[in-house]
Amino acid sequence: MKTHKDLHVFNGSMDLTKVIYKLTLNFPKEEVFSLTNQIRRAAVSVPANISEGAGRRNVKEYKYFLRISSGS
């Protein structure tokens, strides 16, 4: 692996995040600060945690962030 950007799961999570943002644009306006926000943050946390883990210096920390990502 060269970087985290070479991982299929990272690229797929980025694509999913874009889809989530497009879908939630059609949610009711009263949901913008509750359900919409929660769904968007969950989607963004997957690639964010993969990136964060890849920036760590050892494999143990990287695996920790991958586990967090899978929980999202």
PDB file of N, CA and C in Angstrom:
ATOM      1  N   MET A   1       0.851  -1.181   0.000  1.00  0.00           N
ATOM      2  CA  MET A   1       0.000   0.000   0.000  1.00  0.00           C
ATOM      3  C   MET A   1       0.891   1.236   0.000  1.00  0.00           C
ATOM      4  N   LYS A   2       0.598   2.139  -0.896  1.00  0.00           N
ATOM      5  CA  LYS A   2       1.357   3.383  -0.963  1.00  0.00           C
ATOM      6  C   LYS A   2       0.813   4.412   0.029  1.00  0.00           C
ATOM      7  N   THR A   3      -0.443   4.707  -0.076  1.00  0.00           N
ATOM      8  CA  THR A   3      -1.098   5.625   0.862  1.00  0.00           C
ATOM      9  C   THR A   3      -2.515   5.122   1.126  1.00  0.00           C
ATOM     10  N   HIS A   4      -3.173   5.775   2.063  1.00  0.00           N
ATOM     11  CA  HIS A   4      -4.563   5.409   2.352  1.00  0.00           C
ATOM     12  C   HIS A   4      -5.477   5.658   1.157  1.00  0.00           C
ATOM     13  N   LYS A   5      -5.061   6.540   0.260  1.00  0.00           N
ATOM     14  CA  LYS A   5      -5.874   6.845  -0.915  1.00  0.00           C
ATOM     15  C   LYS A   5      -5.889   5.699  -1.923  1.00  0.00           C
ATOM     16  N   ASP A   6      -5.019   4.724  -1.746  1.00  0.00           N
ATOM     17  CA  ASP A   6      -4.992   3.541  -2.606  1.00  0.00           C
ATOM     18  C   ASP A   6      -5.961   2.461  -2.138  1.00  0.00           C
ATOM     19  N   LEU A   7      -6.509   2.620  -0.949  1.00  0.00           N
ATOM     20  CA  LEU A   7      -7.435   1.626  -0.402  1.00  0.00           C
ATOM     21  C   LEU A   7      -8.816   1.759  -1.033  1.00  0.00           C
ATOM     22  N   HIS A   8      -9.382   0.636  -1.433  1.00  0.00           N
ATOM     23  CA  HIS A   8     -10.733   0.646  -2.011  1.00  0.00           C
ATOM     24  C   HIS A   8     -11.752   1.155  -0.992  1.00  0.00           C
ATOM     25  N   VAL A   9     -11.561   0.772   0.260  1.00  0.00           N
ATOM     26  CA  VAL A   9     -12.509   1.191   1.294  1.00  0.00           C
ATOM     27  C   VAL A   9     -12.479   2.718   1.479  1.00  0.00           C
ATOM     28  N   PHE A  10     -11.317   3.320   1.363  1.00  0.00           N
ATOM     29  CA  PHE A  10     -11.228   4.777   1.486  1.00  0.00           C
ATOM     30  C   PHE A  10     -11.960   5.446   0.324  1.00  0.00           C
ATOM     31  N   ASN A  11     -11.671   5.005  -0.887  1.00  0.00           N
ATOM     32  CA  ASN A  11     -12.316   5.606  -2.057  1.00  0.00           C
ATOM     33  C   ASN A  11     -13.821   5.379  -2.061  1.00  0.00           C
ATOM     34  N   GLY A  12     -14.232   4.188  -1.637  1.00  0.00           N
ATOM     35  CA  GLY A  12     -15.664   3.911  -1.539  1.00  0.00           C
ATOM     36  C   GLY A  12     -16.347   4.775  -0.494  1.00  0.00           C
ATOM     37  N   SER A  13     -15.664   5.008   0.617  1.00  0.00           N
ATOM     38  CA  SER A  13     -16.256   5.842   1.661  1.00  0.00           C
ATOM     39  C   SER A  13     -16.348   7.304   1.228  1.00  0.00           C
ATOM     40  N   MET A  14     -15.404   7.738   0.420  1.00  0.00           N
ATOM     41  CA  MET A  14     -15.483   9.102  -0.121  1.00  0.00           C
ATOM     42  C   MET A  14     -16.676   9.225  -1.078  1.00  0.00           C
ATOM     43  N   ASP A  15     -16.862   8.202  -1.917  1.00  0.00           N
ATOM     44  CA  ASP A  15     -18.011   8.201  -2.827  1.00  0.00           C
ATOM     45  C   ASP A  15     -19.316   8.169  -2.041  1.00  0.00           C
ATOM     46  N   LEU A  16     -19.369   7.341  -1.000  1.00  0.00           N
ATOM     47  CA  LEU A  16     -20.573   7.259  -0.170  1.00  0.00           C
ATOM     48  C   LEU A  16     -20.869   8.597   0.497  1.00  0.00           C
ATOM     49  N   THR A  17     -19.848   9.264   0.966  1.00  0.00           N
ATOM     50  CA  THR A  17     -20.033  10.566   1.610  1.00  0.00           C
ATOM     51  C   THR A  17     -20.656  11.562   0.645  1.00  0.00           C
ATOM     52  N   LYS A  18     -20.187  11.570  -0.593  1.00  0.00           N
ATOM     53  CA  LYS A  18     -20.767  12.473  -1.606  1.00  0.00           C
ATOM     54  C   LYS A  18     -22.236  12.150  -1.845  1.00  0.00           C
ATOM     55  N   VAL A  19     -22.557  10.862  -1.921  1.00  0.00           N
ATOM     56  CA  VAL A  19     -23.949  10.444  -2.131  1.00  0.00           C
ATOM     57  C   VAL A  19     -24.808  10.859  -0.941  1.00  0.00           C
ATOM     58  N   ILE A  20     -24.305  10.656   0.265  1.00  0.00           N
ATOM     59  CA  ILE A  20     -25.041  11.022   1.480  1.00  0.00           C
ATOM     60  C   ILE A  20     -25.359  12.516   1.481  1.00  0.00           C
ATOM     61  N   TYR A  21     -24.382  13.335   1.124  1.00  0.00           N
ATOM     62  CA  TYR A  21     -24.609  14.778   1.106  1.00  0.00           C
ATOM     63  C   TYR A  21     -25.684  15.146   0.085  1.00  0.00           C
ATOM     64  N   LYS A  22     -25.669  14.502  -1.073  1.00  0.00           N
ATOM     65  CA  LYS A  22     -26.691  14.787  -2.092  1.00  0.00           C
ATOM     66  C   LYS A  22     -28.068  14.342  -1.627  1.00  0.00           C
ATOM     67  N   LEU A  23     -28.144  13.159  -1.025  1.00  0.00           N
ATOM     68  CA  LEU A  23     -29.435  12.651  -0.551  1.00  0.00           C
ATOM     69  C   LEU A  23     -30.018  13.497   0.568  1.00  0.00           C
ATOM     70  N   THR A  24     -29.170  13.943   1.471  1.00  0.00           N
ATOM     71  CA  THR A  24     -29.679  14.694   2.613  1.00  0.00           C
ATOM     72  C   THR A  24     -30.077  16.129   2.249  1.00  0.00           C
ATOM     73  N   LEU A  25     -29.726  16.569   1.062  1.00  0.00           N
ATOM     74  CA  LEU A  25     -30.192  17.887   0.624  1.00  0.00           C
ATOM     75  C   LEU A  25     -31.708  17.926   0.520  1.00  0.00           C
ATOM     76  N   ASN A  26     -32.311  16.760   0.290  1.00  0.00           N
ATOM     77  CA  ASN A  26     -33.762  16.676   0.133  1.00  0.00           C
ATOM     78  C   ASN A  26     -34.490  16.393   1.442  1.00  0.00           C
ATOM     79  N   PHE A  27     -33.765  16.281   2.541  1.00  0.00           N
ATOM     80  CA  PHE A  27     -34.408  16.066   3.834  1.00  0.00           C
ATOM     81  C   PHE A  27     -35.178  17.331   4.223  1.00  0.00           C
ATOM     82  N   PRO A  28     -36.204  17.184   5.056  1.00  0.00           N
ATOM     83  CA  PRO A  28     -36.954  18.357   5.506  1.00  0.00           C
ATOM     84  C   PRO A  28     -36.038  19.366   6.205  1.00  0.00           C
ATOM     85  N   LYS A  29     -36.330  20.618   6.023  1.00  0.00           N
ATOM     86  CA  LYS A  29     -35.492  21.681   6.596  1.00  0.00           C
ATOM     87  C   LYS A  29     -35.416  21.613   8.117  1.00  0.00           C
ATOM     88  N   GLU A  30     -36.455  21.114   8.756  1.00  0.00           N
ATOM     89  CA  GLU A  30     -36.421  21.038  10.219  1.00  0.00           C
ATOM     90  C   GLU A  30     -35.457  19.949  10.716  1.00  0.00           C
ATOM     91  N   GLU A  31     -34.967  19.117   9.817  1.00  0.00           N
ATOM     92  CA  GLU A  31     -34.017  18.059  10.183  1.00  0.00           C
ATOM     93  C   GLU A  31     -32.550  18.466   9.975  1.00  0.00           C
ATOM     94  N   VAL A  32     -32.315  19.653   9.465  1.00  0.00           N
ATOM     95  CA  VAL A  32     -30.950  20.062   9.116  1.00  0.00           C
ATOM     96  C   VAL A  32     -30.000  19.963  10.300  1.00  0.00           C
ATOM     97  N   PHE A  33     -30.428  20.328  11.486  1.00  0.00           N
ATOM     98  CA  PHE A  33     -29.534  20.343  12.643  1.00  0.00           C
ATOM     99  C   PHE A  33     -29.656  19.100  13.513  1.00  0.00           C
ATOM    100  N   SER A  34     -30.414  18.112  13.062  1.00  0.00           N
ATOM    101  CA  SER A  34     -30.510  16.899  13.859  1.00  0.00           C
ATOM    102  C   SER A  34     -30.157  15.680  13.013  1.00  0.00           C
ATOM    103  N   LEU A  35     -31.130  15.069  12.379  1.00  0.00           N
ATOM    104  CA  LEU A  35     -30.895  13.838  11.632  1.00  0.00           C
ATOM    105  C   LEU A  35     -29.930  14.044  10.471  1.00  0.00           C
ATOM    106  N   THR A  36     -30.112  15.095   9.702  1.00  0.00           N
ATOM    107  CA  THR A  36     -29.236  15.371   8.557  1.00  0.00           C
ATOM    108  C   THR A  36     -27.795  15.520   9.015  1.00  0.00           C
ATOM    109  N   ASN A  37     -27.586  16.294  10.043  1.00  0.00           N
ATOM    110  CA  ASN A  37     -26.244  16.530  10.565  1.00  0.00           C
ATOM    111  C   ASN A  37     -25.612  15.234  11.070  1.00  0.00           C
ATOM    112  N   GLN A  38     -26.382  14.426  11.768  1.00  0.00           N
ATOM    113  CA  GLN A  38     -25.860  13.180  12.322  1.00  0.00           C
ATOM    114  C   GLN A  38     -25.448  12.207  11.218  1.00  0.00           C
ATOM    115  N   ILE A  39     -26.276  12.074  10.196  1.00  0.00           N
ATOM    116  CA  ILE A  39     -25.960  11.175   9.080  1.00  0.00           C
ATOM    117  C   ILE A  39     -24.715  11.651   8.342  1.00  0.00           C
ATOM    118  N   ARG A  40     -24.627  12.934   8.108  1.00  0.00           N
ATOM    119  CA  ARG A  40     -23.460  13.477   7.407  1.00  0.00           C
ATOM    120  C   ARG A  40     -22.178  13.285   8.205  1.00  0.00           C
ATOM    121  N   ARG A  41     -22.234  13.536   9.501  1.00  0.00           N
ATOM    122  CA  ARG A  41     -21.033  13.368  10.337  1.00  0.00           C
ATOM    123  C   ARG A  41     -20.588  11.914  10.378  1.00  0.00           C
ATOM    124  N   ALA A  42     -21.537  10.991  10.420  1.00  0.00           N
ATOM    125  CA  ALA A  42     -21.186   9.569  10.411  1.00  0.00           C
ATOM    126  C   ALA A  42     -20.504   9.188   9.098  1.00  0.00           C
ATOM    127  N   ALA A  43     -21.022   9.696   7.991  1.00  0.00           N
ATOM    128  CA  ALA A  43     -20.426   9.389   6.686  1.00  0.00           C
ATOM    129  C   ALA A  43     -19.016   9.963   6.564  1.00  0.00           C
ATOM    130  N   VAL A  44     -18.836  11.178   7.003  1.00  0.00           N
ATOM    131  CA  VAL A  44     -17.534  11.844   6.909  1.00  0.00           C
ATOM    132  C   VAL A  44     -16.510  11.180   7.828  1.00  0.00           C
ATOM    133  N   SER A  45     -16.959  10.625   8.942  1.00  0.00           N
ATOM    134  CA  SER A  45     -16.011  10.067   9.899  1.00  0.00           C
ATOM    135  C   SER A  45     -15.287   8.836   9.362  1.00  0.00           C
ATOM    136  N   VAL A  46     -15.881   8.123   8.415  1.00  0.00           N
ATOM    137  CA  VAL A  46     -15.224   6.927   7.870  1.00  0.00           C
ATOM    138  C   VAL A  46     -13.930   7.297   7.151  1.00  0.00           C
ATOM    139  N   PRO A  47     -13.972   8.112   6.080  1.00  0.00           N
ATOM    140  CA  PRO A  47     -12.703   8.456   5.424  1.00  0.00           C
ATOM    141  C   PRO A  47     -11.789   9.303   6.315  1.00  0.00           C
ATOM    142  N   ALA A  48     -12.370  10.101   7.200  1.00  0.00           N
ATOM    143  CA  ALA A  48     -11.546  10.939   8.079  1.00  0.00           C
ATOM    144  C   ALA A  48     -10.709  10.079   9.023  1.00  0.00           C
ATOM    145  N   ASN A  49     -11.300   9.038   9.578  1.00  0.00           N
ATOM    146  CA  ASN A  49     -10.554   8.169  10.486  1.00  0.00           C
ATOM    147  C   ASN A  49      -9.525   7.317   9.751  1.00  0.00           C
ATOM    148  N   ILE A  50      -9.825   6.917   8.535  1.00  0.00           N
ATOM    149  CA  ILE A  50      -8.833   6.185   7.736  1.00  0.00           C
ATOM    150  C   ILE A  50      -7.638   7.090   7.464  1.00  0.00           C
ATOM    151  N   SER A  51      -7.905   8.326   7.098  1.00  0.00           N
ATOM    152  CA  SER A  51      -6.824   9.290   6.839  1.00  0.00           C
ATOM    153  C   SER A  51      -6.021   9.565   8.099  1.00  0.00           C
ATOM    154  N   GLU A  52      -6.717   9.761   9.204  1.00  0.00           N
ATOM    155  CA  GLU A  52      -6.050  10.035  10.476  1.00  0.00           C
ATOM    156  C   GLU A  52      -5.129   8.882  10.864  1.00  0.00           C
ATOM    157  N   GLY A  53      -5.624   7.667  10.739  1.00  0.00           N
ATOM    158  CA  GLY A  53      -4.822   6.503  11.080  1.00  0.00           C
ATOM    159  C   GLY A  53      -3.608   6.344  10.188  1.00  0.00           C
ATOM    160  N   ALA A  54      -3.774   6.646   8.914  1.00  0.00           N
ATOM    161  CA  ALA A  54      -2.655   6.529   7.969  1.00  0.00           C
ATOM    162  C   ALA A  54      -1.538   7.512   8.302  1.00  0.00           C
ATOM    163  N   GLY A  55      -1.883   8.592   8.960  1.00  0.00           N
ATOM    164  CA  GLY A  55      -0.886   9.585   9.333  1.00  0.00           C
ATOM    165  C   GLY A  55      -0.133   9.249  10.612  1.00  0.00           C
ATOM    166  N   ARG A  56      -0.547   8.187  11.266  1.00  0.00           N
ATOM    167  CA  ARG A  56       0.117   7.783  12.508  1.00  0.00           C
ATOM    168  C   ARG A  56       1.413   7.043  12.198  1.00  0.00           C
ATOM    169  N   ARG A  57       2.265   6.969  13.188  1.00  0.00           N
ATOM    170  CA  ARG A  57       3.607   6.427  12.973  1.00  0.00           C
ATOM    171  C   ARG A  57       3.716   4.916  13.135  1.00  0.00           C
ATOM    172  N   ASN A  58       2.730   4.293  13.731  1.00  0.00           N
ATOM    173  CA  ASN A  58       2.861   2.843  13.888  1.00  0.00           C
ATOM    174  C   ASN A  58       1.567   2.124  13.535  1.00  0.00           C
ATOM    175  N   VAL A  59       1.699   0.848  13.274  1.00  0.00           N
ATOM    176  CA  VAL A  59       0.589   0.026  12.817  1.00  0.00           C
ATOM    177  C   VAL A  59      -0.500  -0.095  13.880  1.00  0.00           C
ATOM    178  N   LYS A  60      -0.119  -0.150  15.141  1.00  0.00           N
ATOM    179  CA  LYS A  60      -1.103  -0.287  16.216  1.00  0.00           C
ATOM    180  C   LYS A  60      -2.081   0.894  16.209  1.00  0.00           C
ATOM    181  N   GLU A  61      -1.550   2.099  16.083  1.00  0.00           N
ATOM    182  CA  GLU A  61      -2.425   3.281  16.038  1.00  0.00           C
ATOM    183  C   GLU A  61      -3.272   3.284  14.778  1.00  0.00           C
ATOM    184  N   TYR A  62      -2.693   2.879  13.655  1.00  0.00           N
ATOM    185  CA  TYR A  62      -3.431   2.820  12.395  1.00  0.00           C
ATOM    186  C   TYR A  62      -4.621   1.870  12.526  1.00  0.00           C
ATOM    187  N   LYS A  63      -4.394   0.701  13.093  1.00  0.00           N
ATOM    188  CA  LYS A  63      -5.473  -0.268  13.288  1.00  0.00           C
ATOM    189  C   LYS A  63      -6.558   0.288  14.209  1.00  0.00           C
ATOM    190  N   TYR A  64      -6.147   1.041  15.213  1.00  0.00           N
ATOM    191  CA  TYR A  64      -7.105   1.662  16.125  1.00  0.00           C
ATOM    192  C   TYR A  64      -8.062   2.578  15.352  1.00  0.00           C
ATOM    193  N   PHE A  65      -7.514   3.415  14.491  1.00  0.00           N
ATOM    194  CA  PHE A  65      -8.358   4.329  13.724  1.00  0.00           C
ATOM    195  C   PHE A  65      -9.203   3.589  12.682  1.00  0.00           C
ATOM    196  N   LEU A  66      -8.700   2.487  12.165  1.00  0.00           N
ATOM    197  CA  LEU A  66      -9.498   1.682  11.237  1.00  0.00           C
ATOM    198  C   LEU A  66     -10.698   1.064  11.960  1.00  0.00           C
ATOM    199  N   ARG A  67     -10.503   0.650  13.215  1.00  0.00           N
ATOM    200  CA  ARG A  67     -11.620   0.119  14.003  1.00  0.00           C
ATOM    201  C   ARG A  67     -12.672   1.208  14.279  1.00  0.00           C
ATOM    202  N   ILE A  68     -12.214   2.394  14.578  1.00  0.00           N
ATOM    203  CA  ILE A  68     -13.145   3.509  14.780  1.00  0.00           C
ATOM    204  C   ILE A  68     -13.926   3.758  13.486  1.00  0.00           C
ATOM    205  N   SER A  69     -13.212   3.743  12.376  1.00  0.00           N
ATOM    206  CA  SER A  69     -13.839   3.969  11.076  1.00  0.00           C
ATOM    207  C   SER A  69     -14.900   2.922  10.781  1.00  0.00           C
ATOM    208  N   SER A  70     -14.610   1.666  11.072  1.00  0.00           N
ATOM    209  CA  SER A  70     -15.586   0.616  10.795  1.00  0.00           C
ATOM    210  C   SER A  70     -16.823   0.751  11.679  1.00  0.00           C
ATOM    211  N   GLY A  71     -16.648   1.324  12.851  1.00  0.00           N
ATOM    212  CA  GLY A  71     -17.801   1.571  13.723  1.00  0.00           C
ATOM    213  C   GLY A  71     -18.728   2.648  13.188  1.00  0.00           C
ATOM    214  N   SER A  72     -18.182   3.546  12.418  1.00  0.00           N
ATOM    215  CA  SER A  72     -19.002   4.613  11.847  1.00  0.00           C
ATOM    216  C   SER A  72     -19.842   4.085  10.712  1.00  0.00           C
TER     217      SER A  72
END
